[in-house]
PDB file of all heavy atoms in Angstrom:
ATOM      1  N   CYS A   1     -14.244   6.878  16.021  1.00  0.00           N
ATOM      2  CA  CYS A   1     -13.194   7.646  15.356  1.00  0.00           C
ATOM      3  C   CYS A   1     -13.686   9.073  15.154  1.00  0.00           C
ATOM      4  O   CYS A   1     -14.406   9.342  14.182  1.00  0.00           O
ATOM      5  CB  CYS A   1     -12.827   7.012  14.006  1.00  0.00           C
ATOM      6  SG  CYS A   1     -12.211   5.335  14.144  1.00  0.00           S
ATOM      7  N   ARG A   2     -13.305   9.942  16.046  1.00  0.00           N
ATOM      8  CA  ARG A   2     -13.772  11.322  15.969  1.00  0.00           C
ATOM      9  C   ARG A   2     -12.786  12.196  15.206  1.00  0.00           C
ATOM     10  O   ARG A   2     -12.293  13.207  15.686  1.00  0.00           O
ATOM     11  CB  ARG A   2     -14.043  11.866  17.367  1.00  0.00           C
ATOM     12  CG  ARG A   2     -15.206  11.188  18.057  1.00  0.00           C
ATOM     13  CD  ARG A   2     -15.516  11.774  19.410  1.00  0.00           C
ATOM     14  NE  ARG A   2     -14.424  11.653  20.359  1.00  0.00           N
ATOM     15  CZ  ARG A   2     -14.135  10.559  21.033  1.00  0.00           C
ATOM     16  NH1 ARG A   2     -14.845   9.449  20.823  1.00  0.00           N
ATOM     17  NH2 ARG A   2     -13.142  10.554  21.890  1.00  0.00           N
ATOM     18  N   ILE A   3     -12.477  11.776  13.978  1.00  0.00           N
ATOM     19  CA  ILE A   3     -11.606  12.520  13.090  1.00  0.00           C
ATOM     20  C   ILE A   3     -12.347  12.683  11.774  1.00  0.00           C
ATOM     21  O   ILE A   3     -12.887  11.724  11.227  1.00  0.00           O
ATOM     22  CB  ILE A   3     -10.262  11.789  12.848  1.00  0.00           C
ATOM     23  CG1 ILE A   3      -9.478  11.672  14.166  1.00  0.00           C
ATOM     24  CG2 ILE A   3      -9.422  12.503  11.808  1.00  0.00           C
ATOM     25  CD1 ILE A   3      -8.186  10.890  14.060  1.00  0.00           C
ATOM     26  N   GLU A   4     -12.390  13.888  11.273  1.00  0.00           N
ATOM     27  CA  GLU A   4     -13.126  14.159  10.032  1.00  0.00           C
ATOM     28  C   GLU A   4     -12.638  13.260   8.919  1.00  0.00           C
ATOM     29  O   GLU A   4     -11.444  13.173   8.641  1.00  0.00           O
ATOM     30  CB  GLU A   4     -12.966  15.637   9.643  1.00  0.00           C
ATOM     31  CG  GLU A   4     -13.843  16.048   8.488  1.00  0.00           C
ATOM     32  CD  GLU A   4     -13.771  17.528   8.179  1.00  0.00           C
ATOM     33  OE1 GLU A   4     -13.079  18.250   8.936  1.00  0.00           O
ATOM     34  OE2 GLU A   4     -14.363  17.957   7.182  1.00  0.00           O
ATOM     35  N   GLY A   5     -13.563  12.557   8.281  1.00  0.00           N
ATOM     36  CA  GLY A   5     -13.230  11.665   7.189  1.00  0.00           C
ATOM     37  C   GLY A   5     -13.103  10.213   7.620  1.00  0.00           C
ATOM     38  O   GLY A   5     -13.114   9.301   6.789  1.00  0.00           O
ATOM     39  N   LEU A   6     -12.971   9.964   8.934  1.00  0.00           N
ATOM     40  CA  LEU A   6     -12.815   8.594   9.416  1.00  0.00           C
ATOM     41  C   LEU A   6     -14.032   8.108  10.209  1.00  0.00           C
ATOM     42  O   LEU A   6     -14.006   7.012  10.765  1.00  0.00           O
ATOM     43  CB  LEU A   6     -11.571   8.489  10.305  1.00  0.00           C
ATOM     44  CG  LEU A   6     -10.215   8.672   9.633  1.00  0.00           C
ATOM     45  CD1 LEU A   6      -9.094   8.495  10.650  1.00  0.00           C
ATOM     46  CD2 LEU A   6     -10.022   7.702   8.475  1.00  0.00           C
ATOM     47  N   GLU A   7     -15.078   8.903  10.244  1.00  0.00           N
ATOM     48  CA  GLU A   7     -16.246   8.528  11.047  1.00  0.00           C
ATOM     49  C   GLU A   7     -16.818   7.168  10.633  1.00  0.00           C
ATOM     50  O   GLU A   7     -17.254   6.385  11.470  1.00  0.00           O
ATOM     51  CB  GLU A   7     -17.346   9.589  10.911  1.00  0.00           C
ATOM     52  CG  GLU A   7     -16.957  10.956  11.437  1.00  0.00           C
ATOM     53  CD  GLU A   7     -16.329  11.857  10.374  1.00  0.00           C
ATOM     54  OE1 GLU A   7     -15.957  11.326   9.302  1.00  0.00           O
ATOM     55  OE2 GLU A   7     -16.216  13.068  10.608  1.00  0.00           O
ATOM     56  N   ARG A   8     -16.783   6.881   9.327  1.00  0.00           N
ATOM     57  CA  ARG A   8     -17.339   5.610   8.825  1.00  0.00           C
ATOM     58  C   ARG A   8     -16.473   4.411   9.230  1.00  0.00           C
ATOM     59  O   ARG A   8     -16.881   3.258   9.064  1.00  0.00           O
ATOM     60  CB  ARG A   8     -17.453   5.661   7.302  1.00  0.00           C
ATOM     61  CG  ARG A   8     -18.532   6.611   6.783  1.00  0.00           C
ATOM     62  CD  ARG A   8     -18.509   6.659   5.267  1.00  0.00           C
ATOM     63  NE  ARG A   8     -18.830   5.369   4.684  1.00  0.00           N
ATOM     64  CZ  ARG A   8     -18.548   5.043   3.419  1.00  0.00           C
ATOM     65  NH1 ARG A   8     -17.943   5.916   2.626  1.00  0.00           N
ATOM     66  NH2 ARG A   8     -18.875   3.864   2.959  1.00  0.00           N
ATOM     67  N   LYS A   9     -15.276   4.690   9.713  1.00  0.00           N
ATOM     68  CA  LYS A   9     -14.371   3.612  10.086  1.00  0.00           C
ATOM     69  C   LYS A   9     -14.385   3.317  11.574  1.00  0.00           C
ATOM     70  O   LYS A   9     -13.498   2.625  12.088  1.00  0.00           O
ATOM     71  CB  LYS A   9     -12.956   3.943   9.615  1.00  0.00           C
ATOM     72  CG  LYS A   9     -12.800   3.944   8.104  1.00  0.00           C
ATOM     73  CD  LYS A   9     -11.345   4.071   7.708  1.00  0.00           C
ATOM     74  CE  LYS A   9     -11.200   4.014   6.203  1.00  0.00           C
ATOM     75  NZ  LYS A   9      -9.784   4.052   5.806  1.00  0.00           N
ATOM     76  N   SER A  10     -15.367   3.854  12.296  1.00  0.00           N
ATOM     77  CA  SER A  10     -15.502   3.513  13.706  1.00  0.00           C
ATOM     78  C   SER A  10     -15.794   2.020  13.833  1.00  0.00           C
ATOM     79  O   SER A  10     -16.765   1.514  13.255  1.00  0.00           O
ATOM     80  CB  SER A  10     -16.617   4.323  14.339  1.00  0.00           C
ATOM     81  OG  SER A  10     -16.295   5.702  14.375  1.00  0.00           O
ATOM     82  N   PRO A  11     -14.967   1.267  14.559  1.00  0.00           N
ATOM     83  CA  PRO A  11     -15.132  -0.193  14.614  1.00  0.00           C
ATOM     84  C   PRO A  11     -16.376  -0.619  15.387  1.00  0.00           C
ATOM     85  O   PRO A  11     -16.951   0.164  16.160  1.00  0.00           O
ATOM     86  CB  PRO A  11     -13.868  -0.669  15.339  1.00  0.00           C
ATOM     87  CG  PRO A  11     -12.945   0.509  15.384  1.00  0.00           C
ATOM     88  CD  PRO A  11     -13.812   1.726  15.333  1.00  0.00           C
ATOM     89  N   ALA A  12     -16.744  -1.869  15.176  1.00  0.00           N
ATOM     90  CA  ALA A  12     -17.782  -2.479  16.034  1.00  0.00           C
ATOM     91  C   ALA A  12     -17.245  -2.535  17.458  1.00  0.00           C
ATOM     92  O   ALA A  12     -16.045  -2.490  17.689  1.00  0.00           O
ATOM     93  CB  ALA A  12     -18.113  -3.883  15.522  1.00  0.00           C
ATOM     94  N   VAL A  13     -18.149  -2.597  18.430  1.00  0.00           N
ATOM     95  CA  VAL A  13     -17.771  -2.627  19.847  1.00  0.00           C
ATOM     96  C   VAL A  13     -18.217  -3.923  20.494  1.00  0.00           C
ATOM     97  O   VAL A  13     -19.372  -4.332  20.326  1.00  0.00           O
ATOM     98  CB  VAL A  13     -18.356  -1.429  20.605  1.00  0.00           C
ATOM     99  CG1 VAL A  13     -18.042  -1.532  22.103  1.00  0.00           C
ATOM    100  CG2 VAL A  13     -17.811  -0.115  20.056  1.00  0.00           C
ATOM    101  N   ILE A  14     -17.304  -4.558  21.189  1.00  0.00           N
ATOM    102  CA  ILE A  14     -17.617  -5.770  21.931  1.00  0.00           C
ATOM    103  C   ILE A  14     -17.382  -5.488  23.417  1.00  0.00           C
ATOM    104  O   ILE A  14     -16.296  -5.041  23.805  1.00  0.00           O
ATOM    105  CB  ILE A  14     -16.724  -6.967  21.487  1.00  0.00           C
ATOM    106  CG1 ILE A  14     -17.202  -7.485  20.119  1.00  0.00           C
ATOM    107  CG2 ILE A  14     -16.827  -8.116  22.484  1.00  0.00           C
ATOM    108  CD1 ILE A  14     -16.787  -6.672  18.949  1.00  0.00           C
ATOM    109  N   ILE A  15     -18.416  -5.723  24.214  1.00  0.00           N
ATOM    110  CA  ILE A  15     -18.317  -5.438  25.665  1.00  0.00           C
ATOM    111  C   ILE A  15     -18.288  -6.766  26.423  1.00  0.00           C
ATOM    112  O   ILE A  15     -19.233  -7.552  26.342  1.00  0.00           O
ATOM    113  CB  ILE A  15     -19.538  -4.597  26.122  1.00  0.00           C
ATOM    114  CG1 ILE A  15     -19.611  -3.285  25.324  1.00  0.00           C
ATOM    115  CG2 ILE A  15     -19.431  -4.305  27.621  1.00  0.00           C
ATOM    116  CD1 ILE A  15     -20.910  -2.520  25.523  1.00  0.00           C
ATOM    117  N   ILE A  16     -17.193  -7.008  27.114  1.00  0.00           N
ATOM    118  CA  ILE A  16     -17.078  -8.203  27.952  1.00  0.00           C
ATOM    119  C   ILE A  16     -17.778  -7.889  29.282  1.00  0.00           C
ATOM    120  O   ILE A  16     -17.354  -7.015  30.027  1.00  0.00           O
ATOM    121  CB  ILE A  16     -15.607  -8.580  28.215  1.00  0.00           C
ATOM    122  CG1 ILE A  16     -14.869  -8.777  26.871  1.00  0.00           C
ATOM    123  CG2 ILE A  16     -15.508  -9.836  29.067  1.00  0.00           C
ATOM    124  CD1 ILE A  16     -15.380  -9.924  26.033  1.00  0.00           C
ATOM    125  N   ASP A  17     -18.862  -8.615  29.541  1.00  0.00           N
ATOM    126  CA  ASP A  17     -19.720  -8.284  30.688  1.00  0.00           C
ATOM    127  C   ASP A  17     -20.265  -9.579  31.289  1.00  0.00           C
ATOM    128  O   ASP A  17     -21.443  -9.893  31.171  1.00  0.00           O
ATOM    129  CB  ASP A  17     -20.854  -7.380  30.225  1.00  0.00           C
ATOM    130  CG  ASP A  17     -21.710  -6.865  31.360  1.00  0.00           C
ATOM    131  OD1 ASP A  17     -21.273  -6.972  32.527  1.00  0.00           O
ATOM    132  OD2 ASP A  17     -22.809  -6.375  31.088  1.00  0.00           O
ATOM    133  N   ARG A  18     -19.403 -10.346  31.922  1.00  0.00           N
ATOM    134  CA  ARG A  18     -19.770 -11.698  32.362  1.00  0.00           C
ATOM    135  C   ARG A  18     -20.953 -11.718  33.337  1.00  0.00           C
ATOM    136  O   ARG A  18     -21.767 -12.635  33.334  1.00  0.00           O
ATOM    137  CB  ARG A  18     -18.548 -12.382  32.978  1.00  0.00           C
ATOM    138  CG  ARG A  18     -17.399 -12.475  32.000  1.00  0.00           C
ATOM    139  CD  ARG A  18     -16.266 -13.359  32.442  1.00  0.00           C
ATOM    140  NE  ARG A  18     -15.149 -13.247  31.514  1.00  0.00           N
ATOM    141  CZ  ARG A  18     -15.095 -13.815  30.334  1.00  0.00           C
ATOM    142  NH1 ARG A  18     -16.097 -14.560  29.914  1.00  0.00           N
ATOM    143  NH2 ARG A  18     -14.053 -13.651  29.534  1.00  0.00           N
ATOM    144  N   LEU A  19     -21.078 -10.684  34.160  1.00  0.00           N
ATOM    145  CA  LEU A  19     -22.160 -10.618  35.148  1.00  0.00           C
ATOM    146  C   LEU A  19     -23.311  -9.724  34.723  1.00  0.00           C
ATOM    147  O   LEU A  19     -24.213  -9.451  35.524  1.00  0.00           O
ATOM    148  CB  LEU A  19     -21.597 -10.167  36.509  1.00  0.00           C
ATOM    149  CG  LEU A  19     -20.510 -11.068  37.119  1.00  0.00           C
ATOM    150  CD1 LEU A  19     -20.008 -10.484  38.430  1.00  0.00           C
ATOM    151  CD2 LEU A  19     -21.014 -12.488  37.322  1.00  0.00           C
ATOM    152  N   PHE A  20     -23.265  -9.265  33.480  1.00  0.00           N
ATOM    153  CA  PHE A  20     -24.317  -8.426  32.898  1.00  0.00           C
ATOM    154  C   PHE A  20     -24.571  -7.171  33.739  1.00  0.00           C
ATOM    155  O   PHE A  20     -25.704  -6.859  34.090  1.00  0.00           O
ATOM    156  CB  PHE A  20     -25.604  -9.201  32.728  1.00  0.00           C
ATOM    157  CG  PHE A  20     -26.323  -8.921  31.430  1.00  0.00           C
ATOM    158  CD1 PHE A  20     -27.229  -9.829  30.902  1.00  0.00           C
ATOM    159  CD2 PHE A  20     -26.120  -7.728  30.743  1.00  0.00           C
ATOM    160  CE1 PHE A  20     -27.911  -9.573  29.720  1.00  0.00           C
ATOM    161  CE2 PHE A  20     -26.789  -7.462  29.550  1.00  0.00           C
ATOM    162  CZ  PHE A  20     -27.674  -8.389  29.045  1.00  0.00           C
ATOM    163  N   LYS A  21     -23.511  -6.422  33.995  1.00  0.00           N
ATOM    164  CA  LYS A  21     -23.608  -5.221  34.811  1.00  0.00           C
ATOM    165  C   LYS A  21     -23.598  -3.927  34.006  1.00  0.00           C
ATOM    166  O   LYS A  21     -23.576  -2.838  34.566  1.00  0.00           O
ATOM    167  CB  LYS A  21     -22.458  -5.200  35.832  1.00  0.00           C
ATOM    168  CG  LYS A  21     -22.583  -6.250  36.923  1.00  0.00           C
ATOM    169  CD  LYS A  21     -21.526  -6.056  37.991  1.00  0.00           C
ATOM    170  CE  LYS A  21     -21.723  -7.013  39.154  1.00  0.00           C
ATOM    171  NZ  LYS A  21     -20.716  -6.808  40.233  1.00  0.00           N
ATOM    172  N   ILE A  22     -23.623  -4.038  32.696  1.00  0.00           N
ATOM    173  CA  ILE A  22     -23.562  -2.833  31.864  1.00  0.00           C
ATOM    174  C   ILE A  22     -24.790  -1.945  32.109  1.00  0.00           C
ATOM    175  O   ILE A  22     -25.906  -2.431  32.217  1.00  0.00           O
ATOM    176  CB  ILE A  22     -23.462  -3.189  30.361  1.00  0.00           C
ATOM    177  CG1 ILE A  22     -23.069  -1.974  29.523  1.00  0.00           C
ATOM    178  CG2 ILE A  22     -24.705  -3.861  29.870  1.00  0.00           C
ATOM    179  CD1 ILE A  22     -21.663  -1.532  29.680  1.00  0.00           C
ATOM    180  N   LYS A  23     -24.550  -0.638  32.222  1.00  0.00           N
ATOM    181  CA  LYS A  23     -25.654   0.297  32.396  1.00  0.00           C
ATOM    182  C   LYS A  23     -26.378   0.494  31.074  1.00  0.00           C
ATOM    183  O   LYS A  23     -25.818   0.293  29.998  1.00  0.00           O
ATOM    184  CB  LYS A  23     -25.119   1.629  32.916  1.00  0.00           C
ATOM    185  CG  LYS A  23     -24.477   1.554  34.287  1.00  0.00           C
ATOM    186  CD  LYS A  23     -23.885   2.899  34.687  1.00  0.00           C
ATOM    187  CE  LYS A  23     -23.190   2.816  36.042  1.00  0.00           C
ATOM    188  NZ  LYS A  23     -22.536   4.105  36.416  1.00  0.00           N
ATOM    189  N   ARG A  24     -27.593   0.964  31.136  1.00  0.00           N
ATOM    190  CA  ARG A  24     -28.399   1.089  29.913  1.00  0.00           C
ATOM    191  C   ARG A  24     -28.198   2.440  29.212  1.00  0.00           C
ATOM    192  O   ARG A  24     -28.079   2.491  28.007  1.00  0.00           O
ATOM    193  CB  ARG A  24     -29.873   0.885  30.253  1.00  0.00           C
ATOM    194  CG  ARG A  24     -30.156  -0.459  30.871  1.00  0.00           C
ATOM    195  CD  ARG A  24     -31.635  -0.671  31.128  1.00  0.00           C
ATOM    196  NE  ARG A  24     -31.863  -1.895  31.905  1.00  0.00           N
ATOM    197  CZ  ARG A  24     -33.030  -2.472  32.043  1.00  0.00           C
ATOM    198  NH1 ARG A  24     -34.112  -1.924  31.506  1.00  0.00           N
ATOM    199  NH2 ARG A  24     -33.167  -3.571  32.753  1.00  0.00           N
ATOM    200  N   LYS A  25     -28.206   3.507  29.966  1.00  0.00           N
ATOM    201  CA  LYS A  25     -28.175   4.844  29.374  1.00  0.00           C
ATOM    202  C   LYS A  25     -26.732   5.341  29.244  1.00  0.00           C
ATOM    203  O   LYS A  25     -26.265   6.172  30.014  1.00  0.00           O
ATOM    204  CB  LYS A  25     -28.997   5.820  30.217  1.00  0.00           C
ATOM    205  CG  LYS A  25     -30.446   5.390  30.438  1.00  0.00           C
ATOM    206  CD  LYS A  25     -31.224   5.339  29.149  1.00  0.00           C
ATOM    207  CE  LYS A  25     -32.684   4.977  29.392  1.00  0.00           C
ATOM    208  NZ  LYS A  25     -33.472   4.893  28.140  1.00  0.00           N
ATOM    209  N   LEU A  26     -26.020   4.816  28.263  1.00  0.00           N
ATOM    210  CA  LEU A  26     -24.630   5.212  28.060  1.00  0.00           C
ATOM    211  C   LEU A  26     -24.451   5.782  26.655  1.00  0.00           C
ATOM    212  O   LEU A  26     -25.212   5.472  25.718  1.00  0.00           O
ATOM    213  CB  LEU A  26     -23.711   3.993  28.219  1.00  0.00           C
ATOM    214  CG  LEU A  26     -23.638   3.368  29.625  1.00  0.00           C
ATOM    215  CD1 LEU A  26     -22.894   2.050  29.596  1.00  0.00           C
ATOM    216  CD2 LEU A  26     -22.969   4.334  30.605  1.00  0.00           C
ATOM    217  N   LYS A  27     -23.431   6.625  26.487  1.00  0.00           N
ATOM    218  CA  LYS A  27     -23.190   7.283  25.194  1.00  0.00           C
ATOM    219  C   LYS A  27     -22.994   6.278  24.063  1.00  0.00           C
ATOM    220  O   LYS A  27     -23.428   6.509  22.927  1.00  0.00           O
ATOM    221  CB  LYS A  27     -21.944   8.167  25.300  1.00  0.00           C
ATOM    222  CG  LYS A  27     -22.086   9.377  26.198  1.00  0.00           C
ATOM    223  CD  LYS A  27     -20.741  10.118  26.243  1.00  0.00           C
ATOM    224  CE  LYS A  27     -20.796  11.297  27.217  1.00  0.00           C
ATOM    225  NZ  LYS A  27     -19.462  11.955  27.309  1.00  0.00           N
ATOM    226  N   ILE A  28     -22.332   5.197  24.387  1.00  0.00           N
ATOM    227  CA  ILE A  28     -21.944   4.235  23.350  1.00  0.00           C
ATOM    228  C   ILE A  28     -23.147   3.629  22.628  1.00  0.00           C
ATOM    229  O   ILE A  28     -23.065   3.223  21.465  1.00  0.00           O
ATOM    230  CB  ILE A  28     -21.044   3.134  23.955  1.00  0.00           C
ATOM    231  CG1 ILE A  28     -20.163   2.510  22.874  1.00  0.00           C
ATOM    232  CG2 ILE A  28     -21.847   2.080  24.716  1.00  0.00           C
ATOM    233  CD1 ILE A  28     -18.986   1.777  23.425  1.00  0.00           C
ATOM    234  N   PHE A  29     -24.296   3.580  23.306  1.00  0.00           N
ATOM    235  CA  PHE A  29     -25.500   2.978  22.702  1.00  0.00           C
ATOM    236  C   PHE A  29     -26.297   3.957  21.850  1.00  0.00           C
ATOM    237  O   PHE A  29     -27.285   3.589  21.245  1.00  0.00           O
ATOM    238  CB  PHE A  29     -26.384   2.407  23.800  1.00  0.00           C
ATOM    239  CG  PHE A  29     -25.742   1.311  24.610  1.00  0.00           C
ATOM    240  CD1 PHE A  29     -25.698   1.378  25.989  1.00  0.00           C
ATOM    241  CD2 PHE A  29     -25.164   0.218  23.972  1.00  0.00           C
ATOM    242  CE1 PHE A  29     -25.101   0.376  26.744  1.00  0.00           C
ATOM    243  CE2 PHE A  29     -24.568  -0.789  24.709  1.00  0.00           C
ATOM    244  CZ  PHE A  29     -24.528  -0.713  26.101  1.00  0.00           C
ATOM    245  N   LYS A  30     -25.852   5.215  21.813  1.00  0.00           N
ATOM    246  CA  LYS A  30     -26.569   6.221  21.025  1.00  0.00           C
ATOM    247  C   LYS A  30     -26.219   6.176  19.540  1.00  0.00           C
ATOM    248  O   LYS A  30     -26.974   6.665  18.693  1.00  0.00           O
ATOM    249  CB  LYS A  30     -26.289   7.606  21.587  1.00  0.00           C
ATOM    250  CG  LYS A  30     -26.881   7.830  22.982  1.00  0.00           C
ATOM    251  CD  LYS A  30     -26.566   9.225  23.524  1.00  0.00           C
ATOM    252  CE  LYS A  30     -27.165   9.408  24.894  1.00  0.00           C
ATOM    253  NZ  LYS A  30     -26.850  10.752  25.464  1.00  0.00           N
ATOM    254  N   ASN A  31     -25.070   5.611  19.227  1.00  0.00           N
ATOM    255  CA  ASN A  31     -24.638   5.518  17.830  1.00  0.00           C
ATOM    256  C   ASN A  31     -25.246   4.278  17.193  1.00  0.00           C
ATOM    257  O   ASN A  31     -24.878   3.140  17.502  1.00  0.00           O
ATOM    258  CB  ASN A  31     -23.099   5.438  17.761  1.00  0.00           C
ATOM    259  CG  ASN A  31     -22.571   5.507  16.330  1.00  0.00           C
ATOM    260  OD1 ASN A  31     -23.294   5.252  15.377  1.00  0.00           O
ATOM    261  ND2 ASN A  31     -21.316   5.868  16.180  1.00  0.00           N
ATOM    262  N   LYS A  32     -26.200   4.482  16.275  1.00  0.00           N
ATOM    263  CA  LYS A  32     -26.926   3.376  15.675  1.00  0.00           C
ATOM    264  C   LYS A  32     -26.270   2.866  14.377  1.00  0.00           C
ATOM    265  O   LYS A  32     -26.784   1.942  13.740  1.00  0.00           O
ATOM    266  CB  LYS A  32     -28.356   3.798  15.349  1.00  0.00           C
ATOM    267  CG  LYS A  32     -29.129   4.333  16.557  1.00  0.00           C
ATOM    268  CD  LYS A  32     -29.321   3.298  17.637  1.00  0.00           C
ATOM    269  CE  LYS A  32     -30.140   3.834  18.794  1.00  0.00           C
ATOM    270  NZ  LYS A  32     -30.276   2.846  19.883  1.00  0.00           N
ATOM    271  N   SER A  33     -25.134   3.446  13.997  1.00  0.00           N
ATOM    272  CA  SER A  33     -24.552   3.131  12.701  1.00  0.00           C
ATOM    273  C   SER A  33     -23.528   1.999  12.754  1.00  0.00           C
ATOM    274  O   SER A  33     -22.967   1.632  11.732  1.00  0.00           O
ATOM    275  CB  SER A  33     -23.878   4.378  12.115  1.00  0.00           C
ATOM    276  OG  SER A  33     -22.806   4.798  12.941  1.00  0.00           O
ATOM    277  N   ARG A  34     -23.261   1.454  13.945  1.00  0.00           N
ATOM    278  CA  ARG A  34     -22.282   0.365  14.018  1.00  0.00           C
ATOM    279  C   ARG A  34     -22.797  -0.737  14.934  1.00  0.00           C
ATOM    280  O   ARG A  34     -23.690  -0.524  15.751  1.00  0.00           O
ATOM    281  CB  ARG A  34     -20.919   0.882  14.489  1.00  0.00           C
ATOM    282  CG  ARG A  34     -20.974   1.583  15.834  1.00  0.00           C
ATOM    283  CD  ARG A  34     -19.597   2.061  16.229  1.00  0.00           C
ATOM    284  NE  ARG A  34     -19.642   2.861  17.432  1.00  0.00           N
ATOM    285  CZ  ARG A  34     -18.617   3.035  18.232  1.00  0.00           C
ATOM    286  NH1 ARG A  34     -17.475   2.460  17.962  1.00  0.00           N
ATOM    287  NH2 ARG A  34     -18.727   3.779  19.294  1.00  0.00           N
ATOM    288  N   LYS A  35     -22.185  -1.902  14.810  1.00  0.00           N
ATOM    289  CA  LYS A  35     -22.614  -3.062  15.586  1.00  0.00           C
ATOM    290  C   LYS A  35     -22.023  -3.023  16.992  1.00  0.00           C
ATOM    291  O   LYS A  35     -20.878  -2.672  17.171  1.00  0.00           O
ATOM    292  CB  LYS A  35     -22.175  -4.338  14.882  1.00  0.00           C
ATOM    293  CG  LYS A  35     -22.836  -4.548  13.539  1.00  0.00           C
ATOM    294  CD  LYS A  35     -22.326  -5.834  12.887  1.00  0.00           C
ATOM    295  CE  LYS A  35     -23.001  -6.041  11.531  1.00  0.00           C
ATOM    296  NZ  LYS A  35     -22.476  -7.277  10.858  1.00  0.00           N
ATOM    297  N   ILE A  36     -22.861  -3.394  17.962  1.00  0.00           N
ATOM    298  CA  ILE A  36     -22.403  -3.514  19.345  1.00  0.00           C
ATOM    299  C   ILE A  36     -22.849  -4.886  19.869  1.00  0.00           C
ATOM    300  O   ILE A  36     -23.993  -5.288  19.687  1.00  0.00           O
ATOM    301  CB  ILE A  36     -22.982  -2.389  20.233  1.00  0.00           C
ATOM    302  CG1 ILE A  36     -22.524  -1.013  19.717  1.00  0.00           C
ATOM    303  CG2 ILE A  36     -22.548  -2.571  21.689  1.00  0.00           C
ATOM    304  CD1 ILE A  36     -23.089   0.154  20.505  1.00  0.00           C
ATOM    305  N   PHE A  37     -21.912  -5.578  20.487  1.00  0.00           N
ATOM    306  CA  PHE A  37     -22.191  -6.903  21.058  1.00  0.00           C
ATOM    307  C   PHE A  37     -21.866  -6.873  22.550  1.00  0.00           C
ATOM    308  O   PHE A  37     -20.858  -6.306  22.968  1.00  0.00           O
ATOM    309  CB  PHE A  37     -21.320  -7.975  20.401  1.00  0.00           C
ATOM    310  CG  PHE A  37     -21.528  -8.127  18.909  1.00  0.00           C
ATOM    311  CD1 PHE A  37     -20.855  -7.290  18.024  1.00  0.00           C
ATOM    312  CD2 PHE A  37     -22.356  -9.097  18.401  1.00  0.00           C
ATOM    313  CE1 PHE A  37     -21.032  -7.419  16.653  1.00  0.00           C
ATOM    314  CE2 PHE A  37     -22.533  -9.253  17.032  1.00  0.00           C
ATOM    315  CZ  PHE A  37     -21.864  -8.396  16.161  1.00  0.00           C
ATOM    316  N   ILE A  38     -22.700  -7.517  23.340  1.00  0.00           N
ATOM    317  CA  ILE A  38     -22.418  -7.727  24.758  1.00  0.00           C
ATOM    318  C   ILE A  38     -22.203  -9.222  24.966  1.00  0.00           C
ATOM    319  O   ILE A  38     -23.083 -10.039  24.663  1.00  0.00           O
ATOM    320  CB  ILE A  38     -23.582  -7.241  25.652  1.00  0.00           C
ATOM    321  CG1 ILE A  38     -23.774  -5.718  25.480  1.00  0.00           C
ATOM    322  CG2 ILE A  38     -23.282  -7.558  27.127  1.00  0.00           C
ATOM    323  CD1 ILE A  38     -25.024  -5.190  26.173  1.00  0.00           C
ATOM    324  N   PHE A  39     -21.022  -9.609  25.443  1.00  0.00           N
ATOM    325  CA  PHE A  39     -20.719 -11.014  25.739  1.00  0.00           C
ATOM    326  C   PHE A  39     -20.888 -11.226  27.250  1.00  0.00           C
ATOM    327  O   PHE A  39     -20.205 -10.597  28.042  1.00  0.00           O
ATOM    328  CB  PHE A  39     -19.282 -11.343  25.339  1.00  0.00           C
ATOM    329  CG  PHE A  39     -19.068 -11.500  23.857  1.00  0.00           C
ATOM    330  CD1 PHE A  39     -20.049 -11.179  22.947  1.00  0.00           C
ATOM    331  CD2 PHE A  39     -17.865 -11.987  23.383  1.00  0.00           C
ATOM    332  CE1 PHE A  39     -19.858 -11.320  21.596  1.00  0.00           C
ATOM    333  CE2 PHE A  39     -17.656 -12.148  22.020  1.00  0.00           C
ATOM    334  CZ  PHE A  39     -18.649 -11.817  21.118  1.00  0.00           C
ATOM    335  N   THR A  40     -21.804 -12.092  27.621  1.00  0.00           N
ATOM    336  CA  THR A  40     -22.081 -12.299  29.038  1.00  0.00           C
ATOM    337  C   THR A  40     -22.241 -13.781  29.349  1.00  0.00           C
ATOM    338  O   THR A  40     -22.432 -14.600  28.449  1.00  0.00           O
ATOM    339  CB  THR A  40     -23.363 -11.546  29.453  1.00  0.00           C
ATOM    340  OG1 THR A  40     -23.540 -11.631  30.842  1.00  0.00           O
ATOM    341  CG2 THR A  40     -24.595 -12.088  28.739  1.00  0.00           C
ATOM    342  N   GLN A  41     -22.152 -14.102  30.642  1.00  0.00           N
ATOM    343  CA  GLN A  41     -22.408 -15.476  31.110  1.00  0.00           C
ATOM    344  C   GLN A  41     -23.601 -15.515  32.056  1.00  0.00           C
ATOM    345  O   GLN A  41     -23.866 -16.524  32.707  1.00  0.00           O
ATOM    346  CB  GLN A  41     -21.153 -15.996  31.848  1.00  0.00           C
ATOM    347  CG  GLN A  41     -19.950 -16.188  30.955  1.00  0.00           C
ATOM    348  CD  GLN A  41     -18.701 -16.594  31.716  1.00  0.00           C
ATOM    349  OE1 GLN A  41     -18.559 -16.260  32.892  1.00  0.00           O
ATOM    350  NE2 GLN A  41     -17.808 -17.309  31.065  1.00  0.00           N
ATOM    351  N   THR A  42     -24.341 -14.407  32.111  1.00  0.00           N
ATOM    352  CA  THR A  42     -25.435 -14.279  33.080  1.00  0.00           C
ATOM    353  C   THR A  42     -26.767 -14.036  32.379  1.00  0.00           C
ATOM    354  O   THR A  42     -26.849 -13.241  31.433  1.00  0.00           O
ATOM    355  CB  THR A  42     -25.141 -13.088  34.029  1.00  0.00           C
ATOM    356  OG1 THR A  42     -23.892 -13.322  34.661  1.00  0.00           O
ATOM    357  CG2 THR A  42     -26.241 -12.949  35.079  1.00  0.00           C
ATOM    358  N   LYS A  43     -27.816 -14.714  32.818  1.00  0.00           N
ATOM    359  CA  LYS A  43     -29.157 -14.515  32.262  1.00  0.00           C
ATOM    360  C   LYS A  43     -29.834 -13.312  32.916  1.00  0.00           C
ATOM    361  O   LYS A  43     -29.801 -13.151  34.130  1.00  0.00           O
ATOM    362  CB  LYS A  43     -30.014 -15.758  32.479  1.00  0.00           C
ATOM    363  CG  LYS A  43     -29.612 -16.954  31.633  1.00  0.00           C
ATOM    364  CD  LYS A  43     -30.570 -18.113  31.874  1.00  0.00           C
ATOM    365  CE  LYS A  43     -30.203 -19.315  31.002  1.00  0.00           C
ATOM    366  NZ  LYS A  43     -31.117 -20.454  31.239  1.00  0.00           N
ATOM    367  N   ASN A  44     -30.441 -12.507  32.091  1.00  0.00           N
ATOM    368  CA  ASN A  44     -31.242 -11.386  32.583  1.00  0.00           C
ATOM    369  C   ASN A  44     -32.209 -11.024  31.455  1.00  0.00           C
ATOM    370  O   ASN A  44     -31.877 -10.223  30.583  1.00  0.00           O
ATOM    371  CB  ASN A  44     -30.355 -10.202  32.953  1.00  0.00           C
ATOM    372  CG  ASN A  44     -31.141  -9.079  33.611  1.00  0.00           C
ATOM    373  OD1 ASN A  44     -32.292  -8.813  33.260  1.00  0.00           O
ATOM    374  ND2 ASN A  44     -30.501  -8.404  34.560  1.00  0.00           N
TER     375      ASN A  44
END
């Protein structure tokens, strides 16, 4: 939520990634103030 006063209300992020193809160096992982989950069906 990039609106002044609503930053604290940025929701948790759930990434559906069945084959575990998510890249590592992405903007979304730089924000340490909220929960991020990756849902996958693949071992790595």
